[in-house]
Amino acid sequence: MQEENVILVNELNEQVGLMPKMEAHEKAILHRAFSVFIMNDKGETMLQQRAAHKYHSPLLWTNTCCSHQRDGETNIEAGKRRLQEEMGFVTDLKELFSFIYKAPFDNGLTEHELDHVMLGYYSESPKINTEEVADWKWMKPEAIKEDIAANSENYTVWFKIIFEKFYDYFIQLNE
């Protein structure tokens, strides 16, 4: 199977090239990514636990799904594609915000991403792809915030960064 390319971008989200995903993570080069948060009608967020064989952050909890856009694919198209691939369902998504972050891993790889955060609503159980996802659960945003504070090591590096921004958005939404 051929390795997927990521879309290299500048700080203005302008495409400047393509590069194999692993190479971009080895060289810590800024590239486009997305993170999807799914909420249900009870105000809970769907979290996924990454599969045990993932090359980084195995068995850690994170947002509903995340990945990288393909060349020519919109953020929404990419989010829906990955939601179907990982969680087994599709729903409408809305882009909330984007931001740049850089997070090194113990294995020598670095996430340096311009991340587009999207929100969707779905209240049923997912049909998880066990190649990608070990488990899933619903949690209230307040409970996630408390659990990250108490058990930070159980969550992916990027989720802790993204969740803080998502939580601020969520609070403003519900004021």
N, C-alpha and C. Protein backbone atom coordinates (compact mmCIF):
# COMPACT_ATOMS: atom_id res chain seq x y z
N MET A 1 0.84 -1.19 0.00
CA MET A 1 0.00 0.00 0.00
C MET A 1 0.88 1.25 0.00
N GLN A 2 0.59 2.17 -0.88
CA GLN A 2 1.37 3.39 -0.99
C GLN A 2 1.03 4.34 0.16
N GLU A 3 2.08 4.95 0.71
CA GLU A 3 1.87 5.89 1.81
C GLU A 3 1.16 7.14 1.30
N GLU A 4 0.24 7.63 2.11
CA GLU A 4 -0.49 8.85 1.73
C GLU A 4 0.38 10.08 1.87
N ASN A 5 0.13 11.04 0.99
CA ASN A 5 0.79 12.33 1.10
C ASN A 5 -0.04 13.24 2.00
N VAL A 6 0.65 14.18 2.66
CA VAL A 6 -0.03 15.25 3.37
C VAL A 6 0.18 16.53 2.57
N ILE A 7 -0.68 17.50 2.81
CA ILE A 7 -0.62 18.77 2.10
C ILE A 7 0.21 19.74 2.94
N LEU A 8 1.36 20.12 2.41
CA LEU A 8 2.21 21.10 3.09
C LEU A 8 1.61 22.48 2.90
N VAL A 9 1.61 23.27 3.97
CA VAL A 9 1.03 24.61 3.92
C VAL A 9 1.94 25.60 4.63
N ASN A 10 1.71 26.89 4.35
CA ASN A 10 2.35 27.94 5.14
C ASN A 10 1.39 28.37 6.24
N GLU A 11 1.78 29.35 7.03
CA GLU A 11 0.96 29.79 8.16
C GLU A 11 -0.38 30.37 7.74
N LEU A 12 -0.52 30.73 6.46
CA LEU A 12 -1.78 31.27 5.93
C LEU A 12 -2.66 30.18 5.33
N ASN A 13 -2.28 28.91 5.51
CA ASN A 13 -3.01 27.76 5.00
C ASN A 13 -2.97 27.68 3.48
N GLU A 14 -1.95 28.28 2.87
CA GLU A 14 -1.77 28.19 1.43
C GLU A 14 -0.92 26.96 1.12
N GLN A 15 -1.40 26.13 0.20
CA GLN A 15 -0.69 24.90 -0.14
C GLN A 15 0.65 25.23 -0.78
N VAL A 16 1.72 24.59 -0.27
CA VAL A 16 3.06 24.81 -0.82
C VAL A 16 3.69 23.53 -1.35
N GLY A 17 2.97 22.40 -1.24
CA GLY A 17 3.51 21.15 -1.77
C GLY A 17 2.83 19.95 -1.14
N LEU A 18 3.33 18.77 -1.52
CA LEU A 18 2.88 17.50 -0.96
C LEU A 18 4.10 16.73 -0.47
N MET A 19 3.90 15.87 0.53
CA MET A 19 5.00 15.07 1.06
C MET A 19 4.43 13.81 1.69
N PRO A 20 5.13 12.69 1.59
CA PRO A 20 4.65 11.49 2.30
C PRO A 20 4.45 11.78 3.79
N LYS A 21 3.37 11.25 4.34
CA LYS A 21 2.98 11.54 5.73
C LYS A 21 4.12 11.30 6.72
N MET A 22 4.77 10.16 6.63
CA MET A 22 5.82 9.84 7.61
C MET A 22 6.98 10.82 7.50
N GLU A 23 7.36 11.18 6.28
CA GLU A 23 8.46 12.13 6.10
C GLU A 23 8.11 13.48 6.72
N ALA A 24 6.89 13.94 6.53
CA ALA A 24 6.46 15.22 7.10
C ALA A 24 6.53 15.18 8.63
N HIS A 25 6.18 14.04 9.22
CA HIS A 25 6.23 13.91 10.67
C HIS A 25 7.67 13.73 11.17
N GLU A 26 8.51 13.12 10.39
CA GLU A 26 9.94 12.99 10.76
C GLU A 26 10.63 14.35 10.72
N LYS A 27 10.29 15.16 9.72
CA LYS A 27 10.94 16.47 9.52
C LYS A 27 10.21 17.61 10.21
N ALA A 28 9.07 17.33 10.85
CA ALA A 28 8.27 18.34 11.56
C ALA A 28 7.88 19.50 10.65
N ILE A 29 7.44 19.18 9.44
CA ILE A 29 7.05 20.20 8.47
C ILE A 29 5.55 20.49 8.60
N LEU A 30 5.21 21.77 8.57
CA LEU A 30 3.82 22.20 8.73
C LEU A 30 2.96 21.63 7.61
N HIS A 31 1.86 20.99 8.00
CA HIS A 31 0.93 20.43 7.02
C HIS A 31 -0.50 20.54 7.54
N ARG A 32 -1.43 20.36 6.61
CA ARG A 32 -2.85 20.49 6.90
C ARG A 32 -3.36 19.22 7.58
N ALA A 33 -4.23 19.39 8.57
CA ALA A 33 -4.85 18.28 9.28
C ALA A 33 -6.26 18.71 9.70
N PHE A 34 -7.00 17.75 10.24
CA PHE A 34 -8.33 18.08 10.76
C PHE A 34 -8.64 17.22 11.97
N SER A 35 -9.52 17.73 12.80
CA SER A 35 -10.00 17.04 13.99
C SER A 35 -11.51 17.20 14.06
N VAL A 36 -12.21 16.07 14.22
CA VAL A 36 -13.67 16.07 14.27
C VAL A 36 -14.13 15.79 15.69
N PHE A 37 -15.06 16.59 16.17
CA PHE A 37 -15.74 16.37 17.44
C PHE A 37 -17.21 16.08 17.13
N ILE A 38 -17.71 14.96 17.61
CA ILE A 38 -19.13 14.63 17.45
C ILE A 38 -19.78 14.73 18.82
N MET A 39 -20.92 15.41 18.85
CA MET A 39 -21.70 15.54 20.08
C MET A 39 -23.07 14.91 19.87
N ASN A 40 -23.67 14.44 20.98
CA ASN A 40 -25.01 13.85 20.89
C ASN A 40 -26.06 14.82 21.44
N ASP A 41 -27.30 14.39 21.46
CA ASP A 41 -28.39 15.26 21.91
C ASP A 41 -28.41 15.46 23.42
N LYS A 42 -27.52 14.78 24.16
CA LYS A 42 -27.38 14.99 25.61
C LYS A 42 -26.23 15.94 25.94
N GLY A 43 -25.58 16.49 24.90
CA GLY A 43 -24.46 17.40 25.13
C GLY A 43 -23.15 16.68 25.43
N GLU A 44 -23.08 15.39 25.10
CA GLU A 44 -21.86 14.62 25.34
C GLU A 44 -21.01 14.57 24.07
N THR A 45 -19.72 14.41 24.25
CA THR A 45 -18.76 14.30 23.15
C THR A 45 -18.34 12.86 22.99
N MET A 46 -18.28 12.39 21.75
CA MET A 46 -17.83 11.02 21.46
C MET A 46 -16.31 11.01 21.39
N LEU A 47 -15.71 10.21 22.26
CA LEU A 47 -14.25 10.03 22.25
C LEU A 47 -13.93 8.66 21.68
N GLN A 48 -12.76 8.56 21.08
CA GLN A 48 -12.28 7.25 20.64
C GLN A 48 -10.96 6.94 21.33
N GLN A 49 -10.74 5.65 21.55
CA GLN A 49 -9.45 5.16 22.05
C GLN A 49 -8.72 4.59 20.84
N ARG A 50 -7.52 5.09 20.59
CA ARG A 50 -6.76 4.66 19.42
C ARG A 50 -6.39 3.17 19.52
N ALA A 51 -6.34 2.51 18.38
CA ALA A 51 -6.00 1.08 18.34
C ALA A 51 -4.61 0.82 18.92
N ALA A 52 -4.42 -0.36 19.44
CA ALA A 52 -3.17 -0.73 20.13
C ALA A 52 -1.95 -0.74 19.20
N HIS A 53 -2.14 -0.99 17.92
CA HIS A 53 -1.00 -1.10 17.00
C HIS A 53 -0.62 0.20 16.31
N LYS A 54 -1.26 1.32 16.66
CA LYS A 54 -0.93 2.61 16.03
C LYS A 54 0.54 2.95 16.28
N TYR A 55 1.20 3.58 15.29
CA TYR A 55 2.64 3.84 15.41
C TYR A 55 2.97 4.94 16.42
N HIS A 56 2.01 5.73 16.81
CA HIS A 56 2.20 6.62 17.97
C HIS A 56 0.87 6.76 18.71
N SER A 57 0.96 7.03 19.98
CA SER A 57 -0.19 7.25 20.85
C SER A 57 -1.18 6.08 20.88
N PRO A 58 -0.69 4.82 20.88
CA PRO A 58 -1.63 3.69 20.93
C PRO A 58 -2.40 3.68 22.24
N LEU A 59 -3.66 3.28 22.17
CA LEU A 59 -4.57 3.12 23.31
C LEU A 59 -4.84 4.39 24.10
N LEU A 60 -4.46 5.53 23.55
CA LEU A 60 -4.79 6.80 24.21
C LEU A 60 -6.14 7.30 23.70
N TRP A 61 -6.83 8.04 24.56
CA TRP A 61 -8.14 8.61 24.20
C TRP A 61 -7.93 9.92 23.46
N THR A 62 -8.84 10.18 22.53
CA THR A 62 -8.75 11.38 21.71
C THR A 62 -10.13 11.77 21.19
N ASN A 63 -10.19 12.83 20.37
CA ASN A 63 -11.47 13.26 19.80
C ASN A 63 -12.03 12.19 18.86
N THR A 64 -13.24 12.40 18.38
CA THR A 64 -13.97 11.38 17.62
C THR A 64 -13.15 10.82 16.47
N CYS A 65 -12.52 11.67 15.68
CA CYS A 65 -11.58 11.20 14.66
C CYS A 65 -10.74 12.38 14.19
N CYS A 66 -9.60 12.05 13.60
CA CYS A 66 -8.74 13.07 13.02
C CYS A 66 -7.84 12.43 11.99
N SER A 67 -7.33 13.25 11.09
CA SER A 67 -6.46 12.73 10.05
C SER A 67 -5.94 13.91 9.23
N HIS A 68 -5.62 13.61 7.97
CA HIS A 68 -5.09 14.61 7.04
C HIS A 68 -5.95 14.65 5.78
N GLN A 69 -6.17 15.85 5.28
CA GLN A 69 -6.89 16.03 4.03
C GLN A 69 -6.04 15.45 2.89
N ARG A 70 -6.72 14.98 1.87
CA ARG A 70 -6.04 14.55 0.64
C ARG A 70 -6.02 15.72 -0.33
N ASP A 71 -5.08 15.70 -1.24
CA ASP A 71 -4.95 16.76 -2.23
C ASP A 71 -6.28 16.91 -2.99
N GLY A 72 -6.82 18.12 -3.02
CA GLY A 72 -8.06 18.39 -3.73
C GLY A 72 -9.32 18.15 -2.90
N GLU A 73 -9.18 17.71 -1.68
CA GLU A 73 -10.32 17.39 -0.82
C GLU A 73 -10.59 18.57 0.12
N THR A 74 -11.85 18.95 0.28
CA THR A 74 -12.17 20.02 1.23
C THR A 74 -12.05 19.47 2.66
N ASN A 75 -12.00 20.37 3.63
CA ASN A 75 -11.94 19.96 5.03
C ASN A 75 -13.16 19.11 5.40
N ILE A 76 -14.33 19.56 4.99
CA ILE A 76 -15.57 18.84 5.31
C ILE A 76 -15.58 17.45 4.66
N GLU A 77 -15.19 17.38 3.38
CA GLU A 77 -15.11 16.08 2.70
C GLU A 77 -14.16 15.14 3.44
N ALA A 78 -13.02 15.65 3.84
CA ALA A 78 -12.03 14.84 4.55
C ALA A 78 -12.57 14.36 5.89
N GLY A 79 -13.23 15.26 6.61
CA GLY A 79 -13.79 14.89 7.91
C GLY A 79 -14.85 13.80 7.79
N LYS A 80 -15.71 13.94 6.80
CA LYS A 80 -16.76 12.93 6.59
C LYS A 80 -16.16 11.59 6.17
N ARG A 81 -15.15 11.63 5.30
CA ARG A 81 -14.49 10.40 4.85
C ARG A 81 -13.89 9.64 6.04
N ARG A 82 -13.16 10.37 6.87
CA ARG A 82 -12.47 9.71 7.99
C ARG A 82 -13.45 9.26 9.06
N LEU A 83 -14.51 10.01 9.27
CA LEU A 83 -15.55 9.61 10.21
C LEU A 83 -16.14 8.26 9.79
N GLN A 84 -16.40 8.11 8.50
CA GLN A 84 -16.92 6.85 7.97
C GLN A 84 -15.88 5.73 8.13
N GLU A 85 -14.61 6.02 7.80
CA GLU A 85 -13.55 5.01 7.86
C GLU A 85 -13.28 4.53 9.28
N GLU A 86 -13.28 5.44 10.24
CA GLU A 86 -12.92 5.07 11.61
C GLU A 86 -14.12 4.70 12.46
N MET A 87 -15.22 5.46 12.35
CA MET A 87 -16.34 5.31 13.28
C MET A 87 -17.59 4.71 12.64
N GLY A 88 -17.58 4.53 11.32
CA GLY A 88 -18.66 3.82 10.65
C GLY A 88 -19.95 4.60 10.45
N PHE A 89 -19.89 5.92 10.49
CA PHE A 89 -21.08 6.73 10.19
C PHE A 89 -20.65 8.07 9.59
N VAL A 90 -21.61 8.75 9.00
CA VAL A 90 -21.38 10.08 8.45
C VAL A 90 -22.49 10.99 8.94
N THR A 91 -22.13 12.22 9.22
CA THR A 91 -23.11 13.23 9.60
C THR A 91 -22.61 14.57 9.07
N ASP A 92 -23.48 15.56 9.06
CA ASP A 92 -23.06 16.90 8.62
C ASP A 92 -22.01 17.43 9.58
N LEU A 93 -21.04 18.14 9.03
CA LEU A 93 -19.98 18.75 9.83
C LEU A 93 -19.93 20.25 9.55
N LYS A 94 -19.51 20.99 10.55
CA LYS A 94 -19.33 22.44 10.44
C LYS A 94 -17.93 22.76 10.93
N GLU A 95 -17.18 23.53 10.16
CA GLU A 95 -15.85 23.92 10.60
C GLU A 95 -15.96 25.04 11.63
N LEU A 96 -15.30 24.85 12.78
CA LEU A 96 -15.37 25.82 13.87
C LEU A 96 -14.23 26.83 13.83
N PHE A 97 -13.00 26.33 13.75
CA PHE A 97 -11.82 27.18 13.78
C PHE A 97 -10.62 26.36 13.33
N SER A 98 -9.51 27.03 13.11
CA SER A 98 -8.26 26.33 12.81
C SER A 98 -7.13 27.02 13.57
N PHE A 99 -6.07 26.28 13.79
CA PHE A 99 -4.91 26.81 14.51
C PHE A 99 -3.70 25.93 14.23
N ILE A 100 -2.53 26.45 14.52
CA ILE A 100 -1.28 25.71 14.30
C ILE A 100 -0.76 25.22 15.64
N TYR A 101 -0.32 23.97 15.67
CA TYR A 101 0.35 23.45 16.86
C TYR A 101 1.51 22.56 16.45
N LYS A 102 2.43 22.39 17.39
CA LYS A 102 3.60 21.53 17.18
C LYS A 102 3.77 20.68 18.42
N ALA A 103 3.81 19.36 18.23
CA ALA A 103 3.90 18.44 19.37
C ALA A 103 4.84 17.29 19.03
N PRO A 104 6.02 17.23 19.69
CA PRO A 104 6.94 16.11 19.46
C PRO A 104 6.50 14.86 20.23
N PHE A 105 6.83 13.69 19.68
CA PHE A 105 6.54 12.40 20.33
C PHE A 105 7.84 11.72 20.75
N ASP A 106 7.72 10.78 21.66
CA ASP A 106 8.89 10.03 22.14
C ASP A 106 9.59 9.24 21.03
N ASN A 107 8.86 8.88 19.97
CA ASN A 107 9.42 8.04 18.91
C ASN A 107 10.16 8.84 17.82
N GLY A 108 10.39 10.14 18.06
CA GLY A 108 11.13 10.95 17.10
C GLY A 108 10.27 11.65 16.08
N LEU A 109 8.98 11.37 16.05
CA LEU A 109 8.08 12.04 15.12
C LEU A 109 7.53 13.31 15.77
N THR A 110 7.13 14.26 14.93
CA THR A 110 6.54 15.51 15.43
C THR A 110 5.31 15.85 14.62
N GLU A 111 4.23 16.16 15.31
CA GLU A 111 3.04 16.70 14.66
C GLU A 111 3.26 18.20 14.57
N HIS A 112 3.27 18.74 13.35
CA HIS A 112 3.32 20.19 13.14
C HIS A 112 2.21 20.48 12.15
N GLU A 113 1.06 20.84 12.69
CA GLU A 113 -0.14 20.85 11.88
C GLU A 113 -0.92 22.15 11.96
N LEU A 114 -1.51 22.49 10.83
CA LEU A 114 -2.53 23.53 10.80
C LEU A 114 -3.83 22.75 10.84
N ASP A 115 -4.41 22.70 12.02
CA ASP A 115 -5.53 21.81 12.29
C ASP A 115 -6.86 22.54 12.14
N HIS A 116 -7.76 21.93 11.35
CA HIS A 116 -9.10 22.45 11.14
C HIS A 116 -10.05 21.64 12.02
N VAL A 117 -10.66 22.30 12.99
CA VAL A 117 -11.52 21.63 13.96
C VAL A 117 -12.98 21.73 13.50
N MET A 118 -13.64 20.57 13.45
CA MET A 118 -15.01 20.50 12.96
C MET A 118 -15.92 19.86 14.00
N LEU A 119 -17.19 20.22 13.92
CA LEU A 119 -18.20 19.73 14.85
C LEU A 119 -19.36 19.13 14.08
N GLY A 120 -19.87 18.00 14.59
CA GLY A 120 -21.05 17.38 14.03
C GLY A 120 -21.89 16.80 15.15
N TYR A 121 -23.11 16.39 14.82
CA TYR A 121 -24.02 15.83 15.82
C TYR A 121 -24.50 14.46 15.36
N TYR A 122 -24.53 13.53 16.32
CA TYR A 122 -24.94 12.15 16.04
C TYR A 122 -25.25 11.53 17.40
N SER A 123 -26.35 10.83 17.52
CA SER A 123 -26.73 10.31 18.84
C SER A 123 -26.79 8.79 18.92
N GLU A 124 -26.39 8.12 17.87
CA GLU A 124 -26.41 6.65 17.88
C GLU A 124 -25.02 6.11 18.23
N SER A 125 -24.92 4.80 18.30
CA SER A 125 -23.63 4.16 18.55
C SER A 125 -22.87 4.03 17.23
N PRO A 126 -21.56 4.27 17.25
CA PRO A 126 -20.78 4.08 16.03
C PRO A 126 -20.55 2.59 15.75
N LYS A 127 -20.11 2.30 14.55
CA LYS A 127 -19.68 0.94 14.18
C LYS A 127 -18.18 1.04 13.91
N ILE A 128 -17.39 0.95 14.99
CA ILE A 128 -15.97 1.27 14.91
C ILE A 128 -15.19 0.28 14.03
N ASN A 129 -14.18 0.82 13.37
CA ASN A 129 -13.23 0.04 12.59
C ASN A 129 -12.12 -0.35 13.57
N THR A 130 -12.04 -1.61 13.94
CA THR A 130 -11.09 -2.05 14.97
C THR A 130 -9.63 -1.98 14.51
N GLU A 131 -9.40 -1.74 13.22
CA GLU A 131 -8.03 -1.49 12.76
C GLU A 131 -7.57 -0.09 13.20
N GLU A 132 -8.52 0.79 13.43
CA GLU A 132 -8.22 2.18 13.78
C GLU A 132 -8.55 2.53 15.23
N VAL A 133 -9.59 1.88 15.76
CA VAL A 133 -10.16 2.29 17.05
C VAL A 133 -10.30 1.08 17.97
N ALA A 134 -9.80 1.22 19.21
CA ALA A 134 -9.93 0.14 20.19
C ALA A 134 -11.27 0.20 20.92
N ASP A 135 -11.74 1.43 21.22
CA ASP A 135 -12.96 1.60 22.00
C ASP A 135 -13.48 3.01 21.78
N TRP A 136 -14.64 3.29 22.33
CA TRP A 136 -15.24 4.63 22.23
C TRP A 136 -16.14 4.84 23.45
N LYS A 137 -16.46 6.10 23.71
CA LYS A 137 -17.38 6.42 24.81
C LYS A 137 -17.89 7.85 24.64
N TRP A 138 -19.02 8.12 25.30
CA TRP A 138 -19.57 9.48 25.38
C TRP A 138 -19.14 10.07 26.70
N MET A 139 -18.73 11.35 26.69
CA MET A 139 -18.41 12.07 27.93
C MET A 139 -18.86 13.52 27.80
N LYS A 140 -19.34 14.07 28.90
CA LYS A 140 -19.66 15.50 28.94
C LYS A 140 -18.35 16.29 28.86
N PRO A 141 -18.34 17.42 28.15
CA PRO A 141 -17.11 18.22 28.07
C PRO A 141 -16.51 18.58 29.43
N GLU A 142 -17.38 18.87 30.41
CA GLU A 142 -16.86 19.20 31.76
C GLU A 142 -16.12 18.00 32.36
N ALA A 143 -16.65 16.79 32.15
CA ALA A 143 -16.01 15.57 32.67
C ALA A 143 -14.69 15.30 31.95
N ILE A 144 -14.64 15.58 30.65
CA ILE A 144 -13.38 15.41 29.91
C ILE A 144 -12.33 16.35 30.47
N LYS A 145 -12.72 17.61 30.67
CA LYS A 145 -11.78 18.61 31.21
C LYS A 145 -11.22 18.16 32.56
N GLU A 146 -12.09 17.67 33.43
CA GLU A 146 -11.65 17.18 34.75
C GLU A 146 -10.76 15.96 34.63
N ASP A 147 -11.10 15.03 33.73
CA ASP A 147 -10.31 13.82 33.58
C ASP A 147 -8.94 14.11 32.97
N ILE A 148 -8.86 15.04 32.02
CA ILE A 148 -7.57 15.43 31.47
C ILE A 148 -6.68 16.00 32.58
N ALA A 149 -7.26 16.81 33.45
CA ALA A 149 -6.49 17.39 34.56
C ALA A 149 -5.98 16.31 35.51
N ALA A 150 -6.80 15.30 35.76
CA ALA A 150 -6.44 14.23 36.71
C ALA A 150 -5.62 13.11 36.08
N ASN A 151 -5.85 12.83 34.79
CA ASN A 151 -5.23 11.66 34.13
C ASN A 151 -4.71 12.04 32.75
N SER A 152 -3.90 13.06 32.68
CA SER A 152 -3.39 13.60 31.43
C SER A 152 -2.73 12.54 30.54
N GLU A 153 -2.07 11.58 31.15
CA GLU A 153 -1.34 10.55 30.40
C GLU A 153 -2.26 9.63 29.59
N ASN A 154 -3.57 9.66 29.85
CA ASN A 154 -4.51 8.80 29.13
C ASN A 154 -4.99 9.40 27.80
N TYR A 155 -4.53 10.61 27.47
CA TYR A 155 -5.02 11.33 26.30
C TYR A 155 -3.88 11.67 25.35
N THR A 156 -4.23 11.75 24.04
CA THR A 156 -3.22 12.12 23.05
C THR A 156 -2.77 13.57 23.27
N VAL A 157 -1.54 13.84 22.87
CA VAL A 157 -0.97 15.18 23.02
C VAL A 157 -1.83 16.21 22.29
N TRP A 158 -2.20 15.90 21.04
CA TRP A 158 -2.96 16.88 20.27
C TRP A 158 -4.36 17.10 20.83
N PHE A 159 -4.96 16.03 21.38
CA PHE A 159 -6.31 16.19 21.93
C PHE A 159 -6.29 17.16 23.10
N LYS A 160 -5.29 17.08 23.94
CA LYS A 160 -5.21 18.00 25.09
C LYS A 160 -5.11 19.44 24.63
N ILE A 161 -4.38 19.67 23.55
CA ILE A 161 -4.24 21.03 23.00
C ILE A 161 -5.56 21.47 22.36
N ILE A 162 -6.11 20.61 21.53
CA ILE A 162 -7.33 20.94 20.79
C ILE A 162 -8.53 21.07 21.72
N PHE A 163 -8.62 20.17 22.70
CA PHE A 163 -9.79 20.18 23.58
C PHE A 163 -9.92 21.49 24.34
N GLU A 164 -8.79 22.04 24.77
CA GLU A 164 -8.84 23.31 25.48
C GLU A 164 -9.51 24.38 24.62
N LYS A 165 -9.15 24.43 23.34
CA LYS A 165 -9.75 25.40 22.42
C LYS A 165 -11.21 25.04 22.13
N PHE A 166 -11.49 23.75 21.95
CA PHE A 166 -12.87 23.30 21.70
C PHE A 166 -13.75 23.61 22.92
N TYR A 167 -13.22 23.38 24.12
CA TYR A 167 -13.99 23.62 25.34
C TYR A 167 -14.37 25.10 25.45
N ASP A 168 -13.44 26.00 25.15
CA ASP A 168 -13.73 27.43 25.17
C ASP A 168 -14.84 27.75 24.17
N TYR A 169 -14.78 27.14 22.99
CA TYR A 169 -15.82 27.34 21.98
C TYR A 169 -17.16 26.80 22.49
N PHE A 170 -17.13 25.61 23.08
CA PHE A 170 -18.33 24.95 23.61
C PHE A 170 -18.99 25.81 24.69
N ILE A 171 -18.20 26.39 25.59
CA ILE A 171 -18.73 27.24 26.66
C ILE A 171 -19.40 28.48 26.07
N GLN A 172 -18.75 29.10 25.08
CA GLN A 172 -19.33 30.28 24.44
C GLN A 172 -20.64 29.93 23.73
N LEU A 173 -20.68 28.76 23.12
CA LEU A 173 -21.86 28.29 22.41
C LEU A 173 -23.05 28.14 23.34
N ASN A 174 -22.78 27.75 24.59
CA ASN A 174 -23.84 27.45 25.54
C ASN A 174 -24.11 28.56 26.56
N GLU A 175 -23.54 29.73 26.34
CA GLU A 175 -23.80 30.85 27.25
C GLU A 175 -25.07 31.57 26.91
